Protein backbone atom coordinates (compact mmCIF):
# COMPACT_ATOMS: atom_id res chain seq x y z
CA MET A 1 -13.40 96.14 -73.12
CA GLU A 2 -15.35 93.34 -75.11
CA GLN A 3 -19.13 93.14 -74.96
CA PRO A 4 -20.39 90.05 -73.01
CA ASP A 5 -22.50 87.78 -74.61
CA LEU A 6 -25.91 88.28 -73.51
CA PHE A 7 -27.36 85.09 -75.16
CA SER A 8 -24.89 82.13 -74.42
CA LYS A 9 -25.92 82.68 -70.84
CA ARG A 10 -29.33 82.54 -70.91
CA LYS A 11 -31.76 80.39 -68.75
CA LYS A 12 -33.57 78.00 -70.42
CA VAL A 13 -37.35 78.61 -69.76
CA ARG A 14 -39.59 75.72 -70.29
CA PRO A 15 -43.22 76.45 -71.39
CA PRO A 16 -45.45 75.77 -68.59
CA ARG A 17 -47.44 72.46 -68.26
CA VAL A 18 -50.74 72.33 -69.15
CA LEU A 19 -52.94 71.73 -66.04
CA GLU A 20 -54.49 68.36 -65.77
CA TRP A 21 -58.28 69.78 -65.65
CA LYS A 22 -57.50 71.50 -69.08
CA PHE A 23 -56.25 68.36 -70.82
CA GLN A 24 -58.93 66.54 -69.46
CA ALA A 25 -61.52 69.06 -70.61
CA SER A 26 -60.25 68.85 -74.06
CA ILE A 27 -60.58 65.15 -74.13
CA ALA A 28 -64.43 65.65 -72.58
CA ASP A 29 -64.96 67.89 -75.57
CA LEU A 30 -63.65 65.11 -78.11
CA LEU A 31 -65.79 62.68 -76.63
CA ASP A 32 -68.93 65.06 -76.66
CA ARG A 33 -68.48 65.78 -80.05
CA TRP A 34 -67.12 62.38 -81.62
CA ILE A 35 -68.43 59.47 -79.18
CA LYS A 36 -70.12 56.74 -81.18
CA PRO A 37 -73.74 56.32 -80.58
CA GLY A 38 -74.37 53.35 -77.77
CA TRP A 39 -71.22 54.90 -75.80
CA ARG A 40 -71.18 56.89 -73.01
CA PHE A 41 -68.76 58.48 -70.63
CA THR A 42 -68.43 60.26 -67.30
CA HIS A 43 -65.72 61.95 -65.40
CA ILE A 44 -65.34 60.45 -61.76
CA PRO A 45 -64.59 64.16 -59.52
CA SER A 46 -62.64 62.23 -56.84
CA GLY A 47 -59.16 64.37 -57.00
CA GLU A 48 -59.74 67.64 -56.53
CA LEU A 49 -58.86 69.72 -53.36
CA ARG A 50 -61.48 70.04 -50.83
CA ASP A 51 -61.68 70.86 -47.14
CA LYS A 52 -61.65 67.88 -44.36
CA GLY A 53 -65.46 67.87 -44.14
CA THR A 54 -66.32 67.67 -48.04
CA ALA A 55 -63.54 64.81 -48.56
CA ALA A 56 -64.83 62.69 -45.23
CA LYS A 57 -68.41 63.30 -46.64
CA LEU A 58 -67.22 62.00 -50.01
CA GLN A 59 -65.04 59.16 -48.90
CA ARG A 60 -68.83 58.08 -46.75
CA MET A 61 -70.92 58.07 -49.93
CA GLY A 62 -68.24 55.85 -51.73
CA VAL A 63 -65.42 57.95 -53.37
CA ARG A 64 -62.44 55.66 -53.41
CA LYS A 65 -58.84 56.32 -54.11
CA GLY A 66 -57.25 55.29 -57.38
CA TRP A 67 -60.57 55.33 -59.94
CA PRO A 68 -59.79 56.44 -63.23
CA ASP A 69 -60.75 60.09 -64.74
CA LEU A 70 -62.81 59.08 -67.20
CA VAL A 71 -65.13 55.78 -67.45
CA LEU A 72 -66.46 54.76 -70.67
CA LEU A 73 -69.17 52.39 -71.21
CA GLY A 74 -70.09 50.72 -74.50
CA PRO A 75 -71.12 47.87 -76.32
CA PRO A 76 -67.96 45.82 -75.45
CA GLY A 77 -68.37 46.97 -71.73
CA LEU A 78 -66.74 48.91 -69.42
CA HIS A 79 -63.10 51.04 -70.03
CA CYS A 80 -61.39 53.00 -67.66
CA LEU A 81 -58.92 56.00 -68.71
CA GLU A 82 -56.76 57.95 -66.31
CA LEU A 83 -55.50 61.09 -67.62
CA LYS A 84 -52.05 62.61 -66.04
CA ARG A 85 -50.40 65.72 -66.06
CA LEU A 86 -47.44 66.07 -68.43
CA GLY A 87 -44.61 63.81 -67.02
CA GLU A 88 -46.56 62.37 -63.80
CA GLU A 89 -46.92 58.81 -63.20
CA LEU A 90 -49.75 56.72 -61.69
CA THR A 91 -50.28 56.71 -57.71
CA GLU A 92 -49.88 53.59 -56.06
CA ASP A 93 -53.76 53.67 -55.53
CA GLN A 94 -54.27 53.77 -59.53
CA GLN A 95 -51.66 51.11 -60.00
CA GLN A 96 -53.55 48.89 -57.91
CA PHE A 97 -56.76 49.97 -59.69
CA ARG A 98 -55.37 49.30 -63.14
CA ASP A 99 -54.02 45.61 -61.78
CA PHE A 100 -57.56 45.03 -60.44
CA CYS A 101 -59.09 45.94 -64.02
CA GLN A 102 -56.41 43.87 -65.91
CA ALA A 103 -57.11 40.98 -63.58
CA ILE A 104 -61.04 41.03 -64.56
CA GLY A 105 -60.76 41.82 -68.16
CA VAL A 106 -61.62 45.61 -67.97
CA PRO A 107 -59.65 48.01 -70.44
CA PHE A 108 -57.45 50.27 -68.49
CA ALA A 109 -55.40 52.78 -69.96
CA TRP A 110 -53.47 55.83 -68.77
CA THR A 111 -51.77 58.81 -70.61
CA ASP A 112 -50.28 62.27 -70.11
CA ASN A 113 -50.80 63.70 -73.43
CA PHE A 114 -53.76 64.42 -76.12
CA ASP A 115 -51.99 62.39 -78.98
CA GLY A 116 -52.33 59.27 -76.20
CA ALA A 117 -55.76 59.67 -75.35
CA LEU A 118 -56.69 60.01 -79.01
CA ALA A 119 -54.57 56.64 -79.44
CA ILE A 120 -56.37 54.87 -76.72
CA LEU A 121 -59.66 56.16 -77.62
CA LYS A 122 -59.23 54.90 -81.37
CA GLU A 123 -57.95 51.51 -80.06
CA TRP A 124 -61.21 50.98 -78.01
CA GLN A 125 -63.20 51.95 -81.31
CA CYS A 126 -65.61 54.60 -79.50
CA LEU A 127 -65.08 57.56 -81.71
CA LYS A 128 -67.57 57.88 -84.48
CA VAL A 129 -64.73 59.22 -87.18
CA ASN A 130 -60.56 59.27 -87.58
CA VAL A 131 -60.43 62.54 -85.84
CA ARG A 132 -57.41 63.60 -87.06
CA THR A 133 -58.31 62.81 -90.74
CA GLY A 134 -62.00 63.13 -90.42
CA ALA A 135 -62.33 59.80 -92.72
């Protein structure tokens, strides 16, 4: 009897996707270390799972759907950065917010990976140095 080939029928296993909050934390760490003087950033915590009472209170206090994860403010003005989990797209509310920003001349960008975020931050010239090369 011939032995079956155990390796040709192996199920392909994908590595787990990085959680969005971990991706965002890595970008916040990058900005904490390398943001230029005169620039500031903050996270807008509007997407976490909450009970109905907390969600209603935050909505009443002014939290609105579609706003980006990170807002950066520097000498050239306001910049909005949305960070998505790998493979995810903007929601309809986020697309509407992006379109609003574009209509009034506010830079809005989104990405689902670290290299994409780094490229955006370099384009906006808000980092002290070239982070990858240190130059």
